[in-house]
Amino acid sequence: MGCACWKFHRRGVETMRRLVRPAVVRREIDFSDLPEASDEQLRTMRRVGRPPIGTHARQLIAIRLDPEVLNRFRTEARRRNVGYQTLIHRVLTEYARAHVA
C-alpha cells in the first residue's frame, strides 16, 4: 500500500477499535427464589407507566418542527404551566375540530 492515506486510515481503524467498548454480556435474571403472588396481591397491584388519557391510549408519533415553532410552544407551555406536548395536542385538537371535516 504505497498511498500515504493508508497510514491515516489504519490509525483511524485502530483508534476506533480502542474506543468501541466490548459488547455487554447480558445474564438472565433468576426469579426462582421469588414466591408466587397470591390472588389478593394480584388484585391490589397497580399499572406502572403512563396511564391512557380518555377512552383510548394516545398514539406515539414523530413529527419534524422548525426549532422556532418548537421554542414558541415550549415558552407558551411554561407560561401556562403545562407540558409543551400537551399544548401542541390542545392546539391541534382545537384546529381539527374547527377546520377538518
PDB file of N, CA and C in Angstrom:
ATOM      1  N   MET A   1       0.836  -1.172   0.000  1.00  0.00           N
ATOM      2  CA  MET A   1       0.000   0.000   0.000  1.00  0.00           C
ATOM      3  C   MET A   1       0.885   1.240   0.000  1.00  0.00           C
ATOM      4  N   GLY A   2       1.120   1.796  -1.141  1.00  0.00           N
ATOM      5  CA  GLY A   2       2.002   2.928  -1.256  1.00  0.00           C
ATOM      6  C   GLY A   2       1.328   4.265  -0.992  1.00  0.00           C
ATOM      7  N   CYS A   3       0.006   4.276  -0.862  1.00  0.00           N
ATOM      8  CA  CYS A   3      -0.726   5.523  -0.658  1.00  0.00           C
ATOM      9  C   CYS A   3      -0.492   6.044   0.756  1.00  0.00           C
ATOM     10  N   ALA A   4      -0.185   7.332   0.868  1.00  0.00           N
ATOM     11  CA  ALA A   4       0.053   7.930   2.188  1.00  0.00           C
ATOM     12  C   ALA A   4      -1.216   7.929   3.037  1.00  0.00           C
ATOM     13  N   CYS A   5      -2.384   7.923   2.391  1.00  0.00           N
ATOM     14  CA  CYS A   5      -3.628   7.966   3.158  1.00  0.00           C
ATOM     15  C   CYS A   5      -3.876   6.653   3.895  1.00  0.00           C
ATOM     16  N   TRP A   6      -3.275   5.544   3.452  1.00  0.00           N
ATOM     17  CA  TRP A   6      -3.468   4.256   4.115  1.00  0.00           C
ATOM     18  C   TRP A   6      -3.013   4.307   5.565  1.00  0.00           C
ATOM     19  N   LYS A   7      -1.907   4.999   5.823  1.00  0.00           N
ATOM     20  CA  LYS A   7      -1.383   5.097   7.173  1.00  0.00           C
ATOM     21  C   LYS A   7      -2.422   5.771   8.093  1.00  0.00           C
ATOM     22  N   PHE A   8      -3.054   6.832   7.589  1.00  0.00           N
ATOM     23  CA  PHE A   8      -4.052   7.534   8.389  1.00  0.00           C
ATOM     24  C   PHE A   8      -5.305   6.695   8.559  1.00  0.00           C
ATOM     25  N   HIS A   9      -5.695   5.977   7.531  1.00  0.00           N
ATOM     26  CA  HIS A   9      -6.869   5.113   7.609  1.00  0.00           C
ATOM     27  C   HIS A   9      -6.640   4.033   8.656  1.00  0.00           C
ATOM     28  N   ARG A  10      -5.470   3.382   8.598  1.00  0.00           N
ATOM     29  CA  ARG A  10      -5.163   2.313   9.549  1.00  0.00           C
ATOM     30  C   ARG A  10      -5.147   2.840  10.972  1.00  0.00           C
ATOM     31  N   ARG A  11      -4.568   4.024  11.170  1.00  0.00           N
ATOM     32  CA  ARG A  11      -4.518   4.616  12.501  1.00  0.00           C
ATOM     33  C   ARG A  11      -5.941   4.898  13.001  1.00  0.00           C
ATOM     34  N   GLY A  12      -6.820   5.357  12.095  1.00  0.00           N
ATOM     35  CA  GLY A  12      -8.209   5.626  12.469  1.00  0.00           C
ATOM     36  C   GLY A  12      -8.941   4.365  12.869  1.00  0.00           C
ATOM     37  N   VAL A  13      -8.701   3.270  12.140  1.00  0.00           N
ATOM     38  CA  VAL A  13      -9.331   1.992  12.470  1.00  0.00           C
ATOM     39  C   VAL A  13      -8.848   1.509  13.830  1.00  0.00           C
ATOM     40  N   GLU A  14      -7.562   1.622  14.098  1.00  0.00           N
ATOM     41  CA  GLU A  14      -7.026   1.197  15.399  1.00  0.00           C
ATOM     42  C   GLU A  14      -7.606   2.043  16.531  1.00  0.00           C
ATOM     43  N   THR A  15      -7.762   3.330  16.302  1.00  0.00           N
ATOM     44  CA  THR A  15      -8.356   4.201  17.318  1.00  0.00           C
ATOM     45  C   THR A  15      -9.796   3.795  17.580  1.00  0.00           C
ATOM     46  N   MET A  16     -10.554   3.518  16.525  1.00  0.00           N
ATOM     47  CA  MET A  16     -11.945   3.105  16.697  1.00  0.00           C
ATOM     48  C   MET A  16     -12.040   1.801  17.470  1.00  0.00           C
ATOM     49  N   ARG A  17     -11.129   0.875  17.236  1.00  0.00           N
ATOM     50  CA  ARG A  17     -11.148  -0.389  17.977  1.00  0.00           C
ATOM     51  C   ARG A  17     -10.955  -0.153  19.463  1.00  0.00           C
ATOM     52  N   ARG A  18     -10.104   0.819  19.824  1.00  0.00           N
ATOM     53  CA  ARG A  18      -9.892   1.115  21.237  1.00  0.00           C
ATOM     54  C   ARG A  18     -11.102   1.809  21.842  1.00  0.00           C
ATOM     55  N   LEU A  19     -11.783   2.652  21.044  1.00  0.00           N
ATOM     56  CA  LEU A  19     -12.907   3.419  21.562  1.00  0.00           C
ATOM     57  C   LEU A  19     -14.176   2.589  21.716  1.00  0.00           C
ATOM     58  N   VAL A  20     -14.350   1.628  20.840  1.00  0.00           N
ATOM     59  CA  VAL A  20     -15.564   0.820  20.879  1.00  0.00           C
ATOM     60  C   VAL A  20     -15.463  -0.142  22.056  1.00  0.00           C
ATOM     61  N   ARG A  21     -16.459  -0.037  22.933  1.00  0.00           N
ATOM     62  CA  ARG A  21     -16.467  -0.913  24.106  1.00  0.00           C
ATOM     63  C   ARG A  21     -16.893  -2.320  23.703  1.00  0.00           C
ATOM     64  N   PRO A  22     -16.391  -3.315  24.404  1.00  0.00           N
ATOM     65  CA  PRO A  22     -16.836  -4.676  24.102  1.00  0.00           C
ATOM     66  C   PRO A  22     -18.329  -4.818  24.416  1.00  0.00           C
ATOM     67  N   ALA A  23     -18.958  -5.737  23.741  1.00  0.00           N
ATOM     68  CA  ALA A  23     -20.389  -5.952  23.931  1.00  0.00           C
ATOM     69  C   ALA A  23     -20.682  -6.325  25.376  1.00  0.00           C
ATOM     70  N   VAL A  24     -21.788  -5.790  25.894  1.00  0.00           N
ATOM     71  CA  VAL A  24     -22.197  -6.084  27.263  1.00  0.00           C
ATOM     72  C   VAL A  24     -22.787  -7.485  27.282  1.00  0.00           C
ATOM     73  N   VAL A  25     -22.335  -8.280  28.229  1.00  0.00           N
ATOM     74  CA  VAL A  25     -22.847  -9.629  28.370  1.00  0.00           C
ATOM     75  C   VAL A  25     -24.105  -9.557  29.231  1.00  0.00           C
ATOM     76  N   ARG A  26     -25.223  -9.976  28.683  1.00  0.00           N
ATOM     77  CA  ARG A  26     -26.477  -9.973  29.432  1.00  0.00           C
ATOM     78  C   ARG A  26     -26.688 -11.336  30.061  1.00  0.00           C
ATOM     79  N   ARG A  27     -26.936 -11.290  31.344  1.00  0.00           N
ATOM     80  CA  ARG A  27     -27.235 -12.532  32.053  1.00  0.00           C
ATOM     81  C   ARG A  27     -28.714 -12.564  32.377  1.00  0.00           C
ATOM     82  N   GLU A  28     -29.307 -13.717  32.270  1.00  0.00           N
ATOM     83  CA  GLU A  28     -30.716 -13.855  32.616  1.00  0.00           C
ATOM     84  C   GLU A  28     -30.884 -13.693  34.119  1.00  0.00           C
ATOM     85  N   ILE A  29     -31.953 -13.038  34.533  1.00  0.00           N
ATOM     86  CA  ILE A  29     -32.245 -12.852  35.952  1.00  0.00           C
ATOM     87  C   ILE A  29     -32.937 -14.112  36.460  1.00  0.00           C
ATOM     88  N   ASP A  30     -32.475 -14.591  37.589  1.00  0.00           N
ATOM     89  CA  ASP A  30     -33.051 -15.793  38.195  1.00  0.00           C
ATOM     90  C   ASP A  30     -34.187 -15.381  39.132  1.00  0.00           C
ATOM     91  N   PHE A  31     -35.416 -15.665  38.734  1.00  0.00           N
ATOM     92  CA  PHE A  31     -36.586 -15.336  39.540  1.00  0.00           C
ATOM     93  C   PHE A  31     -37.067 -16.534  40.353  1.00  0.00           C
ATOM     94  N   SER A  32     -36.340 -17.612  40.376  1.00  0.00           N
ATOM     95  CA  SER A  32     -36.814 -18.847  41.009  1.00  0.00           C
ATOM     96  C   SER A  32     -37.023 -18.702  42.515  1.00  0.00           C
ATOM     97  N   ASP A  33     -36.337 -17.758  43.173  1.00  0.00           N
ATOM     98  CA  ASP A  33     -36.477 -17.628  44.624  1.00  0.00           C
ATOM     99  C   ASP A  33     -37.621 -16.687  45.025  1.00  0.00           C
ATOM    100  N   LEU A  34     -38.321 -16.094  44.044  1.00  0.00           N
ATOM    101  CA  LEU A  34     -39.444 -15.214  44.353  1.00  0.00           C
ATOM    102  C   LEU A  34     -40.705 -16.041  44.553  1.00  0.00           C
ATOM    103  N   PRO A  35     -41.456 -15.765  45.622  1.00  0.00           N
ATOM    104  CA  PRO A  35     -42.698 -16.525  45.831  1.00  0.00           C
ATOM    105  C   PRO A  35     -43.760 -16.098  44.820  1.00  0.00           C
ATOM    106  N   GLU A  36     -44.701 -16.997  44.556  1.00  0.00           N
ATOM    107  CA  GLU A  36     -45.800 -16.680  43.656  1.00  0.00           C
ATOM    108  C   GLU A  36     -46.689 -15.621  44.301  1.00  0.00           C
ATOM    109  N   ALA A  37     -47.252 -14.733  43.512  1.00  0.00           N
ATOM    110  CA  ALA A  37     -48.164 -13.715  44.029  1.00  0.00           C
ATOM    111  C   ALA A  37     -49.530 -14.337  44.252  1.00  0.00           C
ATOM    112  N   SER A  38     -50.138 -13.979  45.387  1.00  0.00           N
ATOM    113  CA  SER A  38     -51.476 -14.500  45.686  1.00  0.00           C
ATOM    114  C   SER A  38     -52.510 -13.740  44.869  1.00  0.00           C
ATOM    115  N   ASP A  39     -53.738 -14.266  44.822  1.00  0.00           N
ATOM    116  CA  ASP A  39     -54.820 -13.600  44.103  1.00  0.00           C
ATOM    117  C   ASP A  39     -55.071 -12.213  44.694  1.00  0.00           C
ATOM    118  N   GLU A  40     -55.005 -12.094  46.027  1.00  0.00           N
ATOM    119  CA  GLU A  40     -55.204 -10.797  46.686  1.00  0.00           C
ATOM    120  C   GLU A  40     -54.119  -9.804  46.269  1.00  0.00           C
ATOM    121  N   GLN A  41     -52.880 -10.242  46.213  1.00  0.00           N
ATOM    122  CA  GLN A  41     -51.780  -9.367  45.794  1.00  0.00           C
ATOM    123  C   GLN A  41     -51.969  -8.929  44.338  1.00  0.00           C
ATOM    124  N   LEU A  42     -52.365  -9.840  43.482  1.00  0.00           N
ATOM    125  CA  LEU A  42     -52.582  -9.506  42.077  1.00  0.00           C
ATOM    126  C   LEU A  42     -53.710  -8.494  41.913  1.00  0.00           C
ATOM    127  N   ARG A  43     -54.771  -8.596  42.752  1.00  0.00           N
ATOM    128  CA  ARG A  43     -55.885  -7.657  42.676  1.00  0.00           C
ATOM    129  C   ARG A  43     -55.475  -6.249  43.097  1.00  0.00           C
ATOM    130  N   THR A  44     -54.541  -6.148  44.046  1.00  0.00           N
ATOM    131  CA  THR A  44     -54.164  -4.825  44.554  1.00  0.00           C
ATOM    132  C   THR A  44     -53.026  -4.179  43.770  1.00  0.00           C
ATOM    133  N   MET A  45     -52.438  -4.884  42.820  1.00  0.00           N
ATOM    134  CA  MET A  45     -51.344  -4.314  42.034  1.00  0.00           C
ATOM    135  C   MET A  45     -51.861  -3.206  41.135  1.00  0.00           C
ATOM    136  N   ARG A  46     -50.998  -2.218  40.903  1.00  0.00           N
ATOM    137  CA  ARG A  46     -51.350  -1.103  40.036  1.00  0.00           C
ATOM    138  C   ARG A  46     -50.473  -1.123  38.801  1.00  0.00           C
ATOM    139  N   ARG A  47     -51.026  -0.572  37.741  1.00  0.00           N
ATOM    140  CA  ARG A  47     -50.276  -0.466  36.488  1.00  0.00           C
ATOM    141  C   ARG A  47     -49.161   0.560  36.658  1.00  0.00           C
ATOM    142  N   VAL A  48     -48.005   0.275  36.084  1.00  0.00           N
ATOM    143  CA  VAL A  48     -46.879   1.194  36.120  1.00  0.00           C
ATOM    144  C   VAL A  48     -46.712   1.791  34.732  1.00  0.00           C
ATOM    145  N   GLY A  49     -46.426   3.064  34.669  1.00  0.00           N
ATOM    146  CA  GLY A  49     -46.239   3.722  33.384  1.00  0.00           C
ATOM    147  C   GLY A  49     -47.293   4.781  33.160  1.00  0.00           C
ATOM    148  N   ARG A  50     -47.315   5.321  31.959  1.00  0.00           N
ATOM    149  CA  ARG A  50     -48.267   6.389  31.649  1.00  0.00           C
ATOM    150  C   ARG A  50     -49.659   5.811  31.492  1.00  0.00           C
ATOM    151  N   PRO A  51     -50.620   6.385  32.213  1.00  0.00           N
ATOM    152  CA  PRO A  51     -51.998   5.900  32.049  1.00  0.00           C
ATOM    153  C   PRO A  51     -52.596   6.445  30.758  1.00  0.00           C
ATOM    154  N   PRO A  52     -53.527   5.698  30.158  1.00  0.00           N
ATOM    155  CA  PRO A  52     -54.193   6.233  28.978  1.00  0.00           C
ATOM    156  C   PRO A  52     -55.054   7.430  29.373  1.00  0.00           C
ATOM    157  N   ILE A  53     -55.117   8.440  28.514  1.00  0.00           N
ATOM    158  CA  ILE A  53     -55.935   9.618  28.763  1.00  0.00           C
ATOM    159  C   ILE A  53     -57.174   9.485  27.900  1.00  0.00           C
ATOM    160  N   GLY A  54     -58.336   9.488  28.509  1.00  0.00           N
ATOM    161  CA  GLY A  54     -59.572   9.289  27.764  1.00  0.00           C
ATOM    162  C   GLY A  54     -59.848   7.803  27.610  1.00  0.00           C
ATOM    163  N   THR A  55     -60.650   7.491  26.604  1.00  0.00           N
ATOM    164  CA  THR A  55     -61.040   6.093  26.412  1.00  0.00           C
ATOM    165  C   THR A  55     -59.969   5.284  25.680  1.00  0.00           C
ATOM    166  N   HIS A  56     -59.102   5.973  24.948  1.00  0.00           N
ATOM    167  CA  HIS A  56     -58.062   5.280  24.193  1.00  0.00           C
ATOM    168  C   HIS A  56     -56.696   5.853  24.553  1.00  0.00           C
ATOM    169  N   ALA A  57     -55.697   5.010  24.564  1.00  0.00           N
ATOM    170  CA  ALA A  57     -54.331   5.488  24.788  1.00  0.00           C
ATOM    171  C   ALA A  57     -53.914   6.334  23.595  1.00  0.00           C
ATOM    172  N   ARG A  58     -53.116   7.341  23.850  1.00  0.00           N
ATOM    173  CA  ARG A  58     -52.630   8.187  22.760  1.00  0.00           C
ATOM    174  C   ARG A  58     -51.593   7.438  21.950  1.00  0.00           C
ATOM    175  N   GLN A  59     -51.497   7.792  20.690  1.00  0.00           N
ATOM    176  CA  GLN A  59     -50.582   7.124  19.768  1.00  0.00           C
ATOM    177  C   GLN A  59     -49.278   7.906  19.683  1.00  0.00           C
ATOM    178  N   LEU A  60     -48.177   7.199  19.801  1.00  0.00           N
ATOM    179  CA  LEU A  60     -46.862   7.815  19.706  1.00  0.00           C
ATOM    180  C   LEU A  60     -46.509   8.019  18.240  1.00  0.00           C
ATOM    181  N   ILE A  61     -46.146   9.268  17.887  1.00  0.00           N
ATOM    182  CA  ILE A  61     -45.728   9.584  16.521  1.00  0.00           C
ATOM    183  C   ILE A  61     -44.463  10.424  16.582  1.00  0.00           C
ATOM    184  N   ALA A  62     -43.857  10.636  15.460  1.00  0.00           N
ATOM    185  CA  ALA A  62     -42.700  11.532  15.358  1.00  0.00           C
ATOM    186  C   ALA A  62     -43.003  12.543  14.266  1.00  0.00           C
ATOM    187  N   ILE A  63     -42.826  13.828  14.588  1.00  0.00           N
ATOM    188  CA  ILE A  63     -43.006  14.881  13.595  1.00  0.00           C
ATOM    189  C   ILE A  63     -41.788  15.795  13.647  1.00  0.00           C
ATOM    190  N   ARG A  64     -41.555  16.482  12.552  1.00  0.00           N
ATOM    191  CA  ARG A  64     -40.446  17.443  12.499  1.00  0.00           C
ATOM    192  C   ARG A  64     -41.024  18.851  12.549  1.00  0.00           C
ATOM    193  N   LEU A  65     -40.518  19.635  13.497  1.00  0.00           N
ATOM    194  CA  LEU A  65     -40.952  21.015  13.649  1.00  0.00           C
ATOM    195  C   LEU A  65     -39.742  21.923  13.534  1.00  0.00           C
ATOM    196  N   ASP A  66     -39.972  23.115  12.999  1.00  0.00           N
ATOM    197  CA  ASP A  66     -38.894  24.100  12.978  1.00  0.00           C
ATOM    198  C   ASP A  66     -38.518  24.435  14.414  1.00  0.00           C
ATOM    199  N   PRO A  67     -37.243  24.657  14.680  1.00  0.00           N
ATOM    200  CA  PRO A  67     -36.823  24.987  16.046  1.00  0.00           C
ATOM    201  C   PRO A  67     -37.566  26.199  16.615  1.00  0.00           C
ATOM    202  N   GLU A  68     -37.829  27.195  15.773  1.00  0.00           N
ATOM    203  CA  GLU A  68     -38.543  28.389  16.252  1.00  0.00           C
ATOM    204  C   GLU A  68     -39.961  28.039  16.714  1.00  0.00           C
ATOM    205  N   VAL A  69     -40.644  27.179  15.961  1.00  0.00           N
ATOM    206  CA  VAL A  69     -42.005  26.770  16.328  1.00  0.00           C
ATOM    207  C   VAL A  69     -41.972  26.008  17.648  1.00  0.00           C
ATOM    208  N   LEU A  70     -41.048  25.080  17.780  1.00  0.00           N
ATOM    209  CA  LEU A  70     -40.942  24.296  19.000  1.00  0.00           C
ATOM    210  C   LEU A  70     -40.616  25.186  20.197  1.00  0.00           C
ATOM    211  N   ASN A  71     -39.705  26.132  20.023  1.00  0.00           N
ATOM    212  CA  ASN A  71     -39.369  27.047  21.116  1.00  0.00           C
ATOM    213  C   ASN A  71     -40.567  27.884  21.537  1.00  0.00           C
ATOM    214  N   ARG A  72     -41.380  28.311  20.570  1.00  0.00           N
ATOM    215  CA  ARG A  72     -42.579  29.080  20.918  1.00  0.00           C
ATOM    216  C   ARG A  72     -43.557  28.239  21.729  1.00  0.00           C
ATOM    217  N   PHE A  73     -43.749  26.975  21.331  1.00  0.00           N
ATOM    218  CA  PHE A  73     -44.638  26.098  22.094  1.00  0.00           C
ATOM    219  C   PHE A  73     -44.079  25.864  23.500  1.00  0.00           C
ATOM    220  N   ARG A  74     -42.797  25.635  23.613  1.00  0.00           N
ATOM    221  CA  ARG A  74     -42.203  25.412  24.929  1.00  0.00           C
ATOM    222  C   ARG A  74     -42.334  26.644  25.820  1.00  0.00           C
ATOM    223  N   THR A  75     -42.106  27.824  25.261  1.00  0.00           N
ATOM    224  CA  THR A  75     -42.230  29.065  26.027  1.00  0.00           C
ATOM    225  C   THR A  75     -43.663  29.260  26.502  1.00  0.00           C
ATOM    226  N   GLU A  76     -44.622  29.085  25.598  1.00  0.00           N
ATOM    227  CA  GLU A  76     -46.032  29.249  25.960  1.00  0.00           C
ATOM    228  C   GLU A  76     -46.474  28.187  26.962  1.00  0.00           C
ATOM    229  N   ALA A  77     -45.980  26.967  26.808  1.00  0.00           N
ATOM    230  CA  ALA A  77     -46.333  25.893  27.737  1.00  0.00           C
ATOM    231  C   ALA A  77     -45.822  26.217  29.147  1.00  0.00           C
ATOM    232  N   ARG A  78     -44.604  26.748  29.242  1.00  0.00           N
ATOM    233  CA  ARG A  78     -44.083  27.151  30.564  1.00  0.00           C
ATOM    234  C   ARG A  78     -44.951  28.256  31.165  1.00  0.00           C
ATOM    235  N   ARG A  79     -45.348  29.216  30.328  1.00  0.00           N
ATOM    236  CA  ARG A  79     -46.184  30.306  30.806  1.00  0.00           C
ATOM    237  C   ARG A  79     -47.518  29.791  31.349  1.00  0.00           C
ATOM    238  N   ARG A  80     -48.073  28.774  30.673  1.00  0.00           N
ATOM    239  CA  ARG A  80     -49.358  28.200  31.091  1.00  0.00           C
ATOM    240  C   ARG A  80     -49.205  27.093  32.133  1.00  0.00           C
ATOM    241  N   ASN A  81     -47.965  26.732  32.433  1.00  0.00           N
ATOM    242  CA  ASN A  81     -47.669  25.670  33.402  1.00  0.00           C
ATOM    243  C   ASN A  81     -48.244  24.312  32.963  1.00  0.00           C
ATOM    244  N   VAL A  82     -48.034  23.995  31.686  1.00  0.00           N
ATOM    245  CA  VAL A  82     -48.413  22.688  31.130  1.00  0.00           C
ATOM    246  C   VAL A  82     -47.226  22.167  30.325  1.00  0.00           C
ATOM    247  N   GLY A  83     -47.263  20.910  29.975  1.00  0.00           N
ATOM    248  CA  GLY A  83     -46.232  20.349  29.125  1.00  0.00           C
ATOM    249  C   GLY A  83     -46.375  20.852  27.695  1.00  0.00           C
ATOM    250  N   TYR A  84     -45.266  20.987  26.994  1.00  0.00           N
ATOM    251  CA  TYR A  84     -45.348  21.506  25.622  1.00  0.00           C
ATOM    252  C   TYR A  84     -46.057  20.536  24.686  1.00  0.00           C
ATOM    253  N   GLN A  85     -45.918  19.238  24.930  1.00  0.00           N
ATOM    254  CA  GLN A  85     -46.617  18.272  24.083  1.00  0.00           C
ATOM    255  C   GLN A  85     -48.119  18.338  24.327  1.00  0.00           C
ATOM    256  N   THR A  86     -48.501  18.582  25.578  1.00  0.00           N
ATOM    257  CA  THR A  86     -49.921  18.762  25.900  1.00  0.00           C
ATOM    258  C   THR A  86     -50.467  19.981  25.182  1.00  0.00           C
ATOM    259  N   LEU A  87     -49.701  21.059  25.175  1.00  0.00           N
ATOM    260  CA  LEU A  87     -50.132  22.272  24.483  1.00  0.00           C
ATOM    261  C   LEU A  87     -50.267  22.034  22.976  1.00  0.00           C
ATOM    262  N   ILE A  88     -49.308  21.350  22.380  1.00  0.00           N
ATOM    263  CA  ILE A  88     -49.390  21.033  20.941  1.00  0.00           C
ATOM    264  C   ILE A  88     -50.642  20.201  20.675  1.00  0.00           C
ATOM    265  N   HIS A  89     -50.918  19.237  21.549  1.00  0.00           N
ATOM    266  CA  HIS A  89     -52.106  18.397  21.389  1.00  0.00           C
ATOM    267  C   HIS A  89     -53.372  19.240  21.455  1.00  0.00           C
ATOM    268  N   ARG A  90     -53.454  20.167  22.401  1.00  0.00           N
ATOM    269  CA  ARG A  90     -54.639  21.023  22.527  1.00  0.00           C
ATOM    270  C   ARG A  90     -54.831  21.897  21.287  1.00  0.00           C
ATOM    271  N   VAL A  91     -53.746  22.476  20.792  1.00  0.00           N
ATOM    272  CA  VAL A  91     -53.834  23.337  19.607  1.00  0.00           C
ATOM    273  C   VAL A  91     -54.287  22.524  18.401  1.00  0.00           C
ATOM    274  N   LEU A  92     -53.715  21.353  18.211  1.00  0.00           N
ATOM    275  CA  LEU A  92     -54.106  20.512  17.068  1.00  0.00           C
ATOM    276  C   LEU A  92     -55.556  20.046  17.190  1.00  0.00           C
ATOM    277  N   THR A  93     -55.972  19.683  18.400  1.00  0.00           N
ATOM    278  CA  THR A  93     -57.352  19.244  18.616  1.00  0.00           C
ATOM    279  C   THR A  93     -58.333  20.363  18.290  1.00  0.00           C
ATOM    280  N   GLU A  94     -58.040  21.563  18.802  1.00  0.00           N
ATOM    281  CA  GLU A  94     -58.912  22.717  18.542  1.00  0.00           C
ATOM    282  C   GLU A  94     -58.990  23.022  17.049  1.00  0.00           C
ATOM    283  N   TYR A  95     -57.837  22.995  16.380  1.00  0.00           N
ATOM    284  CA  TYR A  95     -57.817  23.272  14.942  1.00  0.00           C
ATOM    285  C   TYR A  95     -58.602  22.199  14.175  1.00  0.00           C
ATOM    286  N   ALA A  96     -58.379  20.935  14.530  1.00  0.00           N
ATOM    287  CA  ALA A  96     -59.038  19.840  13.813  1.00  0.00           C
ATOM    288  C   ALA A  96     -60.552  19.927  13.974  1.00  0.00           C
ATOM    289  N   ARG A  97     -61.017  20.266  15.176  1.00  0.00           N
ATOM    290  CA  ARG A  97     -62.476  20.382  15.402  1.00  0.00           C
ATOM    291  C   ARG A  97     -63.075  21.527  14.581  1.00  0.00           C
ATOM    292  N   ALA A  98     -62.327  22.613  14.433  1.00  0.00           N
ATOM    293  CA  ALA A  98     -62.857  23.778  13.747  1.00  0.00           C
ATOM    294  C   ALA A  98     -62.703  23.719  12.227  1.00  0.00           C
ATOM    295  N   HIS A  99     -61.650  23.049  11.733  1.00  0.00           N
ATOM    296  CA  HIS A  99     -61.329  23.177  10.302  1.00  0.00           C
ATOM    297  C   HIS A  99     -61.243  21.856   9.532  1.00  0.00           C
ATOM    298  N   VAL A 100     -61.196  20.744  10.189  1.00  0.00           N
ATOM    299  CA  VAL A 100     -61.031  19.461   9.490  1.00  0.00           C
ATOM    300  C   VAL A 100     -62.347  18.704   9.555  1.00  0.00           C
ATOM    301  N   ALA A 101     -62.807  18.239   8.389  1.00  0.00           N
ATOM    302  CA  ALA A 101     -64.110  17.563   8.312  1.00  0.00           C
ATOM    303  C   ALA A 101     -64.088  16.226   8.987  1.00  0.00           C
TER     304      ALA A 101
END
